[in-house]
Each structure stands twice: as C-alpha cells, then as structure tokens.
N, C-alpha and C. Protein backbone atom coordinates (compact mmCIF):
# COMPACT_ATOMS: atom_id res chain seq x y z
N MET A 1 -16.72 -4.88 14.03
CA MET A 1 -15.51 -5.06 13.28
C MET A 1 -14.52 -5.78 14.17
N LEU A 2 -13.74 -6.68 13.57
CA LEU A 2 -12.78 -7.47 14.30
C LEU A 2 -11.42 -7.32 13.64
N TRP A 3 -10.41 -7.04 14.44
CA TRP A 3 -9.04 -6.93 13.95
C TRP A 3 -8.25 -8.10 14.53
N ILE A 4 -7.57 -8.84 13.66
CA ILE A 4 -6.78 -9.98 14.12
C ILE A 4 -5.40 -9.88 13.48
N GLY A 5 -4.38 -9.91 14.31
CA GLY A 5 -3.02 -9.95 13.80
C GLY A 5 -2.66 -11.37 13.42
N GLY A 6 -1.70 -11.51 12.54
CA GLY A 6 -1.28 -12.85 12.21
C GLY A 6 -0.63 -12.94 10.85
N ASP A 7 -0.62 -14.12 10.33
CA ASP A 7 0.05 -14.47 9.09
C ASP A 7 -0.99 -14.53 7.96
N GLY A 8 -0.74 -13.83 6.87
CA GLY A 8 -1.67 -13.77 5.76
C GLY A 8 -1.88 -15.10 5.05
N GLU A 9 -1.00 -16.05 5.30
CA GLU A 9 -1.14 -17.36 4.68
C GLU A 9 -1.80 -18.38 5.60
N ARG A 10 -1.99 -18.01 6.87
CA ARG A 10 -2.64 -18.88 7.85
C ARG A 10 -3.45 -17.99 8.80
N ILE A 11 -4.68 -17.73 8.43
CA ILE A 11 -5.53 -16.84 9.20
C ILE A 11 -6.27 -17.65 10.26
N SER A 12 -6.22 -17.18 11.48
CA SER A 12 -6.80 -17.94 12.59
C SER A 12 -8.29 -17.64 12.77
N LEU A 13 -9.04 -17.87 11.70
CA LEU A 13 -10.50 -17.75 11.72
C LEU A 13 -11.09 -19.00 11.08
N ARG A 14 -12.32 -19.30 11.49
CA ARG A 14 -13.03 -20.42 10.86
C ARG A 14 -13.42 -20.06 9.43
N GLU A 15 -13.68 -21.07 8.67
CA GLU A 15 -14.13 -20.92 7.28
C GLU A 15 -15.43 -20.13 7.24
N GLY A 16 -15.53 -19.20 6.28
CA GLY A 16 -16.77 -18.47 6.05
C GLY A 16 -17.19 -17.54 7.18
N THR A 17 -16.25 -16.90 7.84
CA THR A 17 -16.61 -16.04 8.97
C THR A 17 -16.60 -14.55 8.66
N CYS A 18 -16.12 -14.15 7.49
CA CYS A 18 -15.98 -12.72 7.18
C CYS A 18 -16.83 -12.31 5.98
N ASP A 19 -17.43 -11.16 6.10
CA ASP A 19 -18.14 -10.57 4.96
C ASP A 19 -17.19 -9.76 4.09
N VAL A 20 -16.23 -9.11 4.74
CA VAL A 20 -15.28 -8.23 4.04
C VAL A 20 -13.89 -8.43 4.64
N VAL A 21 -12.90 -8.44 3.77
CA VAL A 21 -11.51 -8.44 4.19
C VAL A 21 -10.86 -7.19 3.61
N TRP A 22 -10.21 -6.42 4.46
CA TRP A 22 -9.57 -5.15 4.07
C TRP A 22 -8.07 -5.32 4.20
N LEU A 23 -7.36 -5.16 3.08
CA LEU A 23 -5.91 -5.25 3.06
C LEU A 23 -5.38 -3.89 2.60
N SER A 24 -4.69 -3.20 3.46
CA SER A 24 -4.19 -1.88 3.14
C SER A 24 -2.67 -1.87 3.18
N THR A 25 -2.08 -1.73 2.03
CA THR A 25 -0.62 -1.68 1.82
C THR A 25 0.12 -2.83 2.50
N VAL A 26 -0.42 -4.04 2.35
CA VAL A 26 0.22 -5.20 2.97
C VAL A 26 0.46 -6.37 2.02
N ILE A 27 -0.18 -6.42 0.86
CA ILE A 27 -0.09 -7.67 0.08
C ILE A 27 1.32 -7.95 -0.41
N ASP A 28 2.14 -6.93 -0.55
CA ASP A 28 3.52 -7.18 -0.96
C ASP A 28 4.35 -7.80 0.18
N HIS A 29 3.77 -7.88 1.37
CA HIS A 29 4.45 -8.50 2.51
C HIS A 29 4.00 -9.95 2.73
N ILE A 30 3.11 -10.45 1.89
CA ILE A 30 2.67 -11.84 1.97
C ILE A 30 3.57 -12.65 1.03
N PRO A 31 4.43 -13.51 1.56
CA PRO A 31 5.41 -14.21 0.72
C PRO A 31 4.80 -14.99 -0.44
N ASP A 32 3.73 -15.71 -0.19
CA ASP A 32 3.07 -16.49 -1.24
C ASP A 32 1.67 -15.92 -1.41
N LEU A 33 1.54 -14.96 -2.32
CA LEU A 33 0.27 -14.24 -2.46
C LEU A 33 -0.86 -15.16 -2.91
N ALA A 34 -0.57 -16.13 -3.76
CA ALA A 34 -1.63 -17.07 -4.18
C ALA A 34 -2.16 -17.84 -2.97
N ARG A 35 -1.26 -18.26 -2.10
CA ARG A 35 -1.68 -18.98 -0.89
C ARG A 35 -2.46 -18.04 0.04
N GLY A 36 -2.00 -16.80 0.15
CA GLY A 36 -2.72 -15.81 0.95
C GLY A 36 -4.11 -15.56 0.41
N ALA A 37 -4.23 -15.46 -0.91
CA ALA A 37 -5.54 -15.24 -1.53
C ALA A 37 -6.46 -16.43 -1.27
N ALA A 38 -5.93 -17.64 -1.35
CA ALA A 38 -6.73 -18.84 -1.06
C ALA A 38 -7.20 -18.83 0.39
N GLU A 39 -6.34 -18.39 1.28
CA GLU A 39 -6.71 -18.32 2.70
C GLU A 39 -7.81 -17.28 2.92
N LEU A 40 -7.72 -16.17 2.22
CA LEU A 40 -8.78 -15.16 2.33
C LEU A 40 -10.11 -15.71 1.79
N ARG A 41 -10.04 -16.44 0.69
CA ARG A 41 -11.26 -17.06 0.15
C ARG A 41 -11.88 -18.01 1.18
N ARG A 42 -11.02 -18.72 1.90
CA ARG A 42 -11.50 -19.67 2.90
C ARG A 42 -12.30 -18.98 4.00
N VAL A 43 -11.85 -17.83 4.47
CA VAL A 43 -12.51 -17.18 5.59
C VAL A 43 -13.68 -16.29 5.15
N LEU A 44 -13.82 -16.05 3.85
CA LEU A 44 -14.93 -15.22 3.37
C LEU A 44 -16.22 -16.02 3.26
N ARG A 45 -17.31 -15.35 3.55
CA ARG A 45 -18.63 -15.92 3.29
C ARG A 45 -18.93 -15.80 1.81
N PRO A 46 -19.90 -16.56 1.29
CA PRO A 46 -20.31 -16.38 -0.11
C PRO A 46 -20.70 -14.93 -0.36
N GLN A 47 -20.33 -14.41 -1.50
CA GLN A 47 -20.52 -13.03 -1.90
C GLN A 47 -19.74 -12.03 -1.03
N GLY A 48 -18.79 -12.54 -0.25
CA GLY A 48 -17.92 -11.65 0.52
C GLY A 48 -17.01 -10.88 -0.42
N ARG A 49 -16.39 -9.86 0.13
CA ARG A 49 -15.53 -9.03 -0.70
C ARG A 49 -14.14 -8.89 -0.09
N VAL A 50 -13.16 -8.83 -0.98
CA VAL A 50 -11.78 -8.52 -0.60
C VAL A 50 -11.48 -7.14 -1.16
N LEU A 51 -11.10 -6.23 -0.29
CA LEU A 51 -10.72 -4.88 -0.70
C LEU A 51 -9.22 -4.74 -0.49
N ILE A 52 -8.52 -4.38 -1.55
CA ILE A 52 -7.07 -4.24 -1.50
C ILE A 52 -6.72 -2.80 -1.88
N ARG A 53 -6.14 -2.10 -0.93
CA ARG A 53 -5.68 -0.73 -1.15
C ARG A 53 -4.16 -0.78 -1.11
N ASP A 54 -3.52 -0.43 -2.24
CA ASP A 54 -2.08 -0.57 -2.30
C ASP A 54 -1.48 0.25 -3.43
N ALA A 55 -0.16 0.31 -3.43
CA ALA A 55 0.60 0.90 -4.53
C ALA A 55 1.21 -0.26 -5.30
N PHE A 56 1.06 -0.25 -6.60
CA PHE A 56 1.59 -1.31 -7.43
C PHE A 56 2.76 -0.78 -8.25
N ALA A 57 3.76 -1.63 -8.43
CA ALA A 57 5.03 -1.22 -9.03
C ALA A 57 4.88 -0.59 -10.40
N ASP A 58 3.85 -0.93 -11.11
CA ASP A 58 3.64 -0.37 -12.45
C ASP A 58 2.64 0.78 -12.46
N ARG A 59 2.26 1.27 -11.27
CA ARG A 59 1.27 2.35 -11.17
C ARG A 59 1.64 3.28 -10.00
N LEU A 60 2.82 3.87 -10.05
CA LEU A 60 3.33 4.64 -8.91
C LEU A 60 3.14 6.15 -9.02
N ASP A 61 2.63 6.62 -10.13
CA ASP A 61 2.40 8.06 -10.24
C ASP A 61 1.42 8.51 -9.17
N GLY A 62 1.74 9.61 -8.54
CA GLY A 62 0.85 10.13 -7.51
C GLY A 62 1.19 9.68 -6.11
N ILE A 63 2.22 8.84 -5.94
CA ILE A 63 2.64 8.43 -4.59
C ILE A 63 3.49 9.55 -4.01
N SER A 64 3.03 10.17 -2.95
CA SER A 64 3.68 11.34 -2.35
C SER A 64 5.15 11.09 -2.01
N LEU A 65 5.43 9.96 -1.45
CA LEU A 65 6.77 9.63 -0.99
C LEU A 65 7.79 9.70 -2.12
N PHE A 66 7.40 9.24 -3.29
CA PHE A 66 8.35 9.14 -4.40
C PHE A 66 8.69 10.50 -5.01
N ARG A 67 7.92 11.50 -4.70
CA ARG A 67 8.25 12.87 -5.14
C ARG A 67 9.60 13.29 -4.52
N PHE A 68 9.87 12.83 -3.32
CA PHE A 68 11.08 13.19 -2.60
C PHE A 68 12.14 12.08 -2.58
N PHE A 69 11.72 10.86 -2.84
CA PHE A 69 12.63 9.71 -2.77
C PHE A 69 12.58 8.93 -4.07
N PRO A 70 13.16 9.48 -5.15
CA PRO A 70 13.10 8.77 -6.45
C PRO A 70 13.82 7.42 -6.42
N GLU A 71 14.82 7.28 -5.56
CA GLU A 71 15.52 5.99 -5.46
C GLU A 71 14.57 4.91 -4.95
N ALA A 72 13.73 5.27 -4.00
CA ALA A 72 12.75 4.31 -3.48
C ALA A 72 11.76 3.91 -4.57
N ARG A 73 11.39 4.86 -5.41
CA ARG A 73 10.50 4.54 -6.52
C ARG A 73 11.17 3.53 -7.45
N ARG A 74 12.45 3.75 -7.77
CA ARG A 74 13.14 2.83 -8.68
C ARG A 74 13.22 1.42 -8.08
N VAL A 75 13.44 1.33 -6.78
CA VAL A 75 13.46 0.02 -6.13
C VAL A 75 12.08 -0.63 -6.23
N MET A 76 11.05 0.14 -5.95
CA MET A 76 9.68 -0.38 -6.02
C MET A 76 9.33 -0.83 -7.44
N GLU A 77 9.74 -0.04 -8.44
CA GLU A 77 9.47 -0.43 -9.83
C GLU A 77 10.16 -1.74 -10.19
N ALA A 78 11.36 -1.94 -9.66
CA ALA A 78 12.13 -3.15 -9.98
C ALA A 78 11.70 -4.37 -9.19
N THR A 79 11.24 -4.18 -7.96
CA THR A 79 11.00 -5.33 -7.09
C THR A 79 9.56 -5.47 -6.59
N GLY A 80 8.75 -4.43 -6.77
CA GLY A 80 7.40 -4.44 -6.19
C GLY A 80 6.40 -5.28 -6.97
N LEU A 81 5.30 -5.53 -6.33
CA LEU A 81 4.20 -6.28 -6.91
C LEU A 81 3.51 -5.45 -7.98
N ARG A 82 3.24 -6.05 -9.11
CA ARG A 82 2.55 -5.38 -10.21
C ARG A 82 1.04 -5.64 -10.10
N LEU A 83 0.27 -4.73 -10.64
CA LEU A 83 -1.19 -4.84 -10.57
C LEU A 83 -1.66 -6.19 -11.11
N GLU A 84 -1.17 -6.60 -12.25
CA GLU A 84 -1.61 -7.86 -12.86
C GLU A 84 -1.30 -9.05 -11.97
N GLU A 85 -0.21 -9.01 -11.23
CA GLU A 85 0.13 -10.10 -10.30
C GLU A 85 -0.90 -10.18 -9.18
N ALA A 86 -1.32 -9.04 -8.68
CA ALA A 86 -2.35 -9.04 -7.63
C ALA A 86 -3.66 -9.59 -8.18
N ILE A 87 -4.02 -9.16 -9.36
CA ILE A 87 -5.27 -9.64 -9.97
C ILE A 87 -5.19 -11.14 -10.22
N ASP A 88 -4.05 -11.62 -10.71
CA ASP A 88 -3.88 -13.06 -10.96
C ASP A 88 -4.00 -13.87 -9.67
N ALA A 89 -3.45 -13.37 -8.58
CA ALA A 89 -3.51 -14.10 -7.31
C ALA A 89 -4.95 -14.29 -6.84
N PHE A 90 -5.81 -13.35 -7.19
CA PHE A 90 -7.21 -13.42 -6.78
C PHE A 90 -8.10 -13.83 -7.95
N SER A 91 -7.54 -14.59 -8.87
CA SER A 91 -8.27 -14.95 -10.09
C SER A 91 -9.52 -15.77 -9.82
N GLY A 92 -9.62 -16.40 -8.66
CA GLY A 92 -10.83 -17.13 -8.31
C GLY A 92 -11.99 -16.20 -7.99
N GLU A 93 -11.68 -14.93 -7.79
CA GLU A 93 -12.71 -13.94 -7.49
C GLU A 93 -12.98 -13.13 -8.75
N GLY A 94 -14.11 -12.47 -8.76
CA GLY A 94 -14.39 -11.56 -9.87
C GLY A 94 -13.91 -10.17 -9.49
N LEU A 95 -13.12 -9.55 -10.37
CA LEU A 95 -12.69 -8.19 -10.11
C LEU A 95 -13.90 -7.29 -10.31
N GLU A 96 -14.39 -6.76 -9.23
CA GLU A 96 -15.59 -5.93 -9.26
C GLU A 96 -15.26 -4.50 -9.65
N SER A 97 -14.14 -3.98 -9.13
CA SER A 97 -13.76 -2.62 -9.51
C SER A 97 -12.29 -2.37 -9.24
N LEU A 98 -11.75 -1.44 -9.98
CA LEU A 98 -10.41 -0.92 -9.79
C LEU A 98 -10.54 0.58 -9.91
N GLN A 99 -10.14 1.27 -8.87
CA GLN A 99 -10.17 2.72 -8.93
C GLN A 99 -8.96 3.29 -8.21
N THR A 100 -8.59 4.48 -8.59
CA THR A 100 -7.52 5.19 -7.91
C THR A 100 -8.17 6.13 -6.92
N VAL A 101 -7.69 6.09 -5.68
CA VAL A 101 -8.29 6.92 -4.65
C VAL A 101 -7.22 7.83 -4.04
N ASP A 102 -7.61 9.06 -3.80
CA ASP A 102 -6.72 9.99 -3.12
C ASP A 102 -6.79 9.73 -1.62
N GLN A 103 -5.66 9.92 -0.98
CA GLN A 103 -5.64 9.76 0.47
C GLN A 103 -4.82 10.91 1.06
N LEU A 104 -5.21 11.34 2.21
CA LEU A 104 -4.44 12.35 2.93
C LEU A 104 -3.24 11.63 3.55
N THR A 105 -2.07 11.90 3.01
CA THR A 105 -0.84 11.29 3.53
C THR A 105 -0.41 11.99 4.81
N ALA A 106 -0.52 13.31 4.82
CA ALA A 106 -0.19 14.11 6.00
C ALA A 106 -0.90 15.46 5.87
N PRO A 107 -1.29 16.06 6.99
CA PRO A 107 -2.02 17.33 6.90
C PRO A 107 -1.15 18.50 6.43
N THR A 108 0.18 18.40 6.61
CA THR A 108 1.11 19.44 6.17
C THR A 108 2.43 18.78 5.77
N LEU A 109 3.26 19.54 5.07
CA LEU A 109 4.60 19.04 4.76
C LEU A 109 5.41 18.80 6.02
N GLN A 110 5.22 19.64 7.02
CA GLN A 110 5.94 19.44 8.28
C GLN A 110 5.54 18.11 8.92
N ALA A 111 4.27 17.81 8.93
CA ALA A 111 3.81 16.52 9.48
C ALA A 111 4.33 15.36 8.63
N PHE A 112 4.36 15.55 7.32
CA PHE A 112 4.91 14.54 6.41
C PHE A 112 6.38 14.31 6.73
N ASN A 113 7.12 15.40 6.92
CA ASN A 113 8.54 15.32 7.26
C ASN A 113 8.74 14.50 8.54
N GLU A 114 7.95 14.78 9.55
CA GLU A 114 8.08 14.07 10.82
C GLU A 114 7.77 12.58 10.64
N ARG A 115 6.70 12.31 9.91
CA ARG A 115 6.30 10.91 9.71
C ARG A 115 7.35 10.13 8.91
N VAL A 116 7.85 10.74 7.83
CA VAL A 116 8.83 10.06 6.98
C VAL A 116 10.14 9.84 7.74
N SER A 117 10.47 10.73 8.66
CA SER A 117 11.73 10.61 9.39
C SER A 117 11.80 9.30 10.19
N TRP A 118 10.68 8.70 10.50
CA TRP A 118 10.66 7.42 11.21
C TRP A 118 11.11 6.25 10.34
N GLN A 119 11.11 6.45 9.03
CA GLN A 119 11.45 5.40 8.06
C GLN A 119 10.55 4.17 8.21
N ALA A 120 9.29 4.39 8.53
CA ALA A 120 8.36 3.28 8.72
C ALA A 120 7.91 2.68 7.40
N ASP A 121 7.96 3.45 6.32
CA ASP A 121 7.56 2.93 5.01
C ASP A 121 8.62 1.94 4.54
N SER A 122 8.20 0.74 4.20
CA SER A 122 9.15 -0.31 3.84
C SER A 122 9.98 0.04 2.61
N SER A 123 9.48 0.89 1.72
CA SER A 123 10.26 1.24 0.53
C SER A 123 11.48 2.09 0.89
N LEU A 124 11.46 2.74 2.04
CA LEU A 124 12.61 3.55 2.46
C LEU A 124 13.73 2.71 3.06
N ARG A 125 13.40 1.51 3.48
CA ARG A 125 14.42 0.65 4.08
C ARG A 125 15.37 0.07 3.04
N SER A 126 15.00 0.17 1.77
CA SER A 126 15.82 -0.44 0.72
C SER A 126 16.71 0.58 0.00
N ILE A 127 16.72 1.81 0.46
CA ILE A 127 17.59 2.80 -0.17
C ILE A 127 18.75 3.13 0.77
N SER A 128 19.78 3.72 0.21
CA SER A 128 20.96 4.05 1.02
C SER A 128 20.65 5.20 1.98
N ASP A 129 21.50 5.33 3.00
CA ASP A 129 21.36 6.44 3.93
C ASP A 129 21.50 7.77 3.20
N GLU A 130 22.39 7.82 2.23
CA GLU A 130 22.58 9.05 1.46
C GLU A 130 21.31 9.41 0.70
N ALA A 131 20.69 8.43 0.07
CA ALA A 131 19.45 8.68 -0.67
C ALA A 131 18.34 9.12 0.28
N PHE A 132 18.29 8.50 1.45
CA PHE A 132 17.28 8.89 2.43
C PHE A 132 17.50 10.33 2.88
N ASN A 133 18.74 10.69 3.17
CA ASN A 133 19.05 12.05 3.61
C ASN A 133 18.76 13.08 2.52
N ARG A 134 19.02 12.73 1.26
CA ARG A 134 18.67 13.64 0.15
C ARG A 134 17.16 13.87 0.10
N GLY A 135 16.40 12.81 0.30
CA GLY A 135 14.95 12.94 0.31
C GLY A 135 14.46 13.81 1.45
N MET A 136 15.03 13.61 2.63
CA MET A 136 14.65 14.43 3.78
C MET A 136 15.01 15.89 3.53
N ASP A 137 16.17 16.13 2.93
CA ASP A 137 16.56 17.51 2.58
C ASP A 137 15.57 18.11 1.59
N ALA A 138 15.12 17.31 0.63
CA ALA A 138 14.15 17.80 -0.37
C ALA A 138 12.82 18.17 0.30
N ILE A 139 12.40 17.39 1.27
CA ILE A 139 11.16 17.72 1.99
C ILE A 139 11.33 19.03 2.75
N ARG A 140 12.44 19.17 3.45
CA ARG A 140 12.67 20.42 4.21
C ARG A 140 12.77 21.63 3.28
N LYS A 141 13.37 21.46 2.13
CA LYS A 141 13.44 22.54 1.14
C LYS A 141 12.03 22.93 0.67
N ALA A 142 11.21 21.93 0.40
CA ALA A 142 9.82 22.20 0.00
C ALA A 142 9.06 22.90 1.12
N MET A 143 9.34 22.54 2.35
CA MET A 143 8.69 23.19 3.50
C MET A 143 9.06 24.68 3.54
N ARG A 144 10.31 25.01 3.27
CA ARG A 144 10.75 26.41 3.29
C ARG A 144 10.12 27.22 2.17
N ARG A 145 9.87 26.58 1.01
CA ARG A 145 9.25 27.28 -0.14
C ARG A 145 7.75 27.45 0.02
N GLU A 146 7.15 26.62 0.84
CA GLU A 146 5.69 26.62 0.99
C GLU A 146 5.22 27.93 1.64
N LYS A 147 4.29 28.60 0.99
CA LYS A 147 3.78 29.89 1.51
C LYS A 147 2.75 29.68 2.63
N SER A 148 1.92 28.67 2.49
CA SER A 148 0.97 28.33 3.55
C SER A 148 0.88 26.80 3.62
N PRO A 149 0.69 26.28 4.82
CA PRO A 149 0.65 24.82 4.97
C PRO A 149 -0.45 24.20 4.10
N THR A 150 -0.07 23.19 3.35
CA THR A 150 -1.04 22.48 2.52
C THR A 150 -0.92 20.98 2.79
N PRO A 151 -2.01 20.28 2.63
CA PRO A 151 -1.98 18.83 2.86
C PRO A 151 -1.13 18.11 1.81
N VAL A 152 -0.55 17.01 2.21
CA VAL A 152 0.15 16.13 1.28
C VAL A 152 -0.84 15.02 0.93
N VAL A 153 -1.19 14.97 -0.33
CA VAL A 153 -2.19 14.00 -0.80
C VAL A 153 -1.51 13.03 -1.76
N GLY A 154 -1.76 11.76 -1.57
CA GLY A 154 -1.20 10.74 -2.44
C GLY A 154 -2.30 9.90 -3.06
N ARG A 155 -1.91 9.07 -3.99
CA ARG A 155 -2.88 8.21 -4.67
C ARG A 155 -2.49 6.76 -4.50
N LEU A 156 -3.48 5.93 -4.24
CA LEU A 156 -3.31 4.49 -4.20
C LEU A 156 -4.43 3.85 -5.01
N ASP A 157 -4.22 2.62 -5.38
CA ASP A 157 -5.27 1.88 -6.10
C ASP A 157 -6.11 1.11 -5.09
N LEU A 158 -7.38 0.98 -5.41
CA LEU A 158 -8.32 0.18 -4.61
C LEU A 158 -8.91 -0.87 -5.53
N LEU A 159 -8.64 -2.12 -5.22
CA LEU A 159 -9.21 -3.26 -5.95
C LEU A 159 -10.30 -3.87 -5.09
N VAL A 160 -11.42 -4.20 -5.69
CA VAL A 160 -12.49 -4.87 -4.97
C VAL A 160 -12.81 -6.16 -5.72
N PHE A 161 -12.70 -7.28 -5.00
CA PHE A 161 -13.02 -8.59 -5.56
C PHE A 161 -14.22 -9.16 -4.83
N GLU A 162 -15.09 -9.83 -5.58
CA GLU A 162 -16.21 -10.54 -4.95
C GLU A 162 -15.92 -12.03 -4.98
N ALA A 163 -16.10 -12.67 -3.83
CA ALA A 163 -15.86 -14.11 -3.73
C ALA A 163 -16.95 -14.88 -4.45
C-alpha cells in the first residue's frame, strides 16, 4: 500500500498505477470534484475501483457529531456535497455499490469528548463559539447520564465505483 499526500486535482502518479483509490471524508475538500474524479480515473488501472467513504449533505442521519452539534448539521445540509453530486462527478465510472456503514467514532463518550474538543472536524469550524460550547456541554451532560461507558458509533456512506 502506498500513501501519497497532495492535491486531489493533480496526483503525482503515473497513469494507470493504482488498483484502488480510497477517499475517506475528503471529497468535499476537492474544489473541482469533476477534475478530481478525472484525475483519479487517470491513475487507475482498467477495472480499478474508487471507494468513497463520506457523509453527504442529504444523508446525515446517524452522524454522531450532529447529535450534539445541530448547528453544524444545518451548515452541512446547506453547504455540503450531496450524494447525487458525488455520483455525477464519477459518472464515467459504474456505480458498483452504495451502502451505509457503521464506524466506531470513539470507544466512549469521554474519548469522543476529548476528540471533538480539538475541533478537527471541518464542520465544527463553521459554527459559532457559542454553538460549539453548547455542543461540548451536551456531550459532557450525556457523559454524566451514562451508566456504563459505551462506544460512540456513527454512520457514513460507502460508494464503490469501477473504472
């Protein structure tokens, strides 16, 4: 397996060098998704696959973060990438499957609280400090109500395209 950092619209690999491309919660950060999709097609071998794991603005139920930060959900619904837009960008590929997959967001609410406090999730950067603090308070309140530590599980969509 090879990991390469860089720009989704200009991938520094030769044509036809990848069997699989894995994009996890990043396609909304590619300014020109159609151009990014074309670049991914360029680096894929024939019958290669593009796997996209993400949250789409029109399919946000089950996202753990939004349980505590409804303002972030509203921003995502208004400005985020929709499922159909992602599918359209990869229209040169055949959509092989679309499924919703559960993921362990954090092993406990306390771990979730610590992770969220970093504000690393881009959807949290678009809400006010007051909204962020309300969300953090809601997490801490849920932690106090919790009788035994339980994992925080969220849902994301997984799209698989064949080149």
